[in-house]
Amino acid sequence: MVKPNGKEKKLAFVEIDSQTCTGCDLCPKTCGPDAIIPLEGFTRT
């Protein structure tokens, strides 16, 4: 991936364990709301 500043950056992927997710909102605050795409059928409680 090439960032807007022209530098290349390797994409990183993480897995969020839905069983232990508390919905604290740290993930979107850290990565940005458009960086996280929920799986189909996943709803946060």
C-alpha atoms as a PDB file:
ATOM      1  CA  MET A   1       0.000   0.000   0.000  1.00  0.00           C
ATOM      2  CA  VAL A   2       1.249   3.485  -0.776  1.00  0.00           C
ATOM      3  CA  LYS A   3       0.306   6.154   1.757  1.00  0.00           C
ATOM      4  CA  PRO A   4      -0.730   9.666   0.660  1.00  0.00           C
ATOM      5  CA  ASN A   5       2.780  10.920   1.534  1.00  0.00           C
ATOM      6  CA  GLY A   6       4.218   8.518  -1.061  1.00  0.00           C
ATOM      7  CA  LYS A   7       5.768   6.066   1.429  1.00  0.00           C
ATOM      8  CA  GLU A   8       5.029   2.379   1.129  1.00  0.00           C
ATOM      9  CA  LYS A   9       3.563   0.559   4.110  1.00  0.00           C
ATOM     10  CA  LYS A  10       2.873  -3.133   4.508  1.00  0.00           C
ATOM     11  CA  LEU A  11      -0.760  -3.823   5.401  1.00  0.00           C
ATOM     12  CA  ALA A  12      -1.374  -5.441   8.774  1.00  0.00           C
ATOM     13  CA  PHE A  13      -4.335  -7.569   9.692  1.00  0.00           C
ATOM     14  CA  VAL A  14      -5.579  -8.344  13.176  1.00  0.00           C
ATOM     15  CA  GLU A  15      -8.331 -10.524  14.537  1.00  0.00           C
ATOM     16  CA  ILE A  16     -10.645  -9.279  17.268  1.00  0.00           C
ATOM     17  CA  ASP A  17     -12.048 -12.018  19.478  1.00  0.00           C
ATOM     18  CA  SER A  18     -15.776 -11.299  19.554  1.00  0.00           C
ATOM     19  CA  GLN A  19     -16.133 -13.360  22.743  1.00  0.00           C
ATOM     20  CA  THR A  20     -13.816 -11.062  24.702  1.00  0.00           C
ATOM     21  CA  CYS A  21     -14.604  -7.767  22.955  1.00  0.00           C
ATOM     22  CA  THR A  22     -16.123  -5.339  25.460  1.00  0.00           C
ATOM     23  CA  GLY A  23     -17.001  -2.667  22.922  1.00  0.00           C
ATOM     24  CA  CYS A  24     -14.593  -0.199  24.574  1.00  0.00           C
ATOM     25  CA  ASP A  25     -14.081   1.623  21.230  1.00  0.00           C
ATOM     26  CA  LEU A  26     -10.259   1.589  21.492  1.00  0.00           C
ATOM     27  CA  CYS A  27      -9.894  -0.189  18.129  1.00  0.00           C
ATOM     28  CA  PRO A  28     -11.583   2.493  15.996  1.00  0.00           C
ATOM     29  CA  LYS A  29      -9.960   5.280  18.012  1.00  0.00           C
ATOM     30  CA  THR A  30      -6.527   3.749  17.356  1.00  0.00           C
ATOM     31  CA  CYS A  31      -6.988   2.667  13.737  1.00  0.00           C
ATOM     32  CA  GLY A  32      -9.689   5.055  12.556  1.00  0.00           C
ATOM     33  CA  PRO A  33     -13.325   4.154  11.962  1.00  0.00           C
ATOM     34  CA  ASP A  34     -12.823   3.361   8.253  1.00  0.00           C
ATOM     35  CA  ALA A  35      -9.956   0.964   8.949  1.00  0.00           C
ATOM     36  CA  ILE A  36     -12.094  -1.652  10.676  1.00  0.00           C
ATOM     37  CA  ILE A  37     -14.589  -3.655   8.678  1.00  0.00           C
ATOM     38  CA  PRO A  38     -16.882  -5.921  10.748  1.00  0.00           C
ATOM     39  CA  LEU A  39     -17.551  -9.444   9.565  1.00  0.00           C
ATOM     40  CA  GLU A  40     -20.960 -10.191   8.119  1.00  0.00           C
ATOM     41  CA  GLY A  41     -23.426 -11.017  10.860  1.00  0.00           C
ATOM     42  CA  PHE A  42     -21.251  -9.577  13.664  1.00  0.00           C
ATOM     43  CA  THR A  43     -22.972  -7.236  16.077  1.00  0.00           C
ATOM     44  CA  ARG A  44     -21.387  -5.623  19.076  1.00  0.00           C
ATOM     45  CA  THR A  45     -23.261  -5.848  22.362  1.00  0.00           C
END
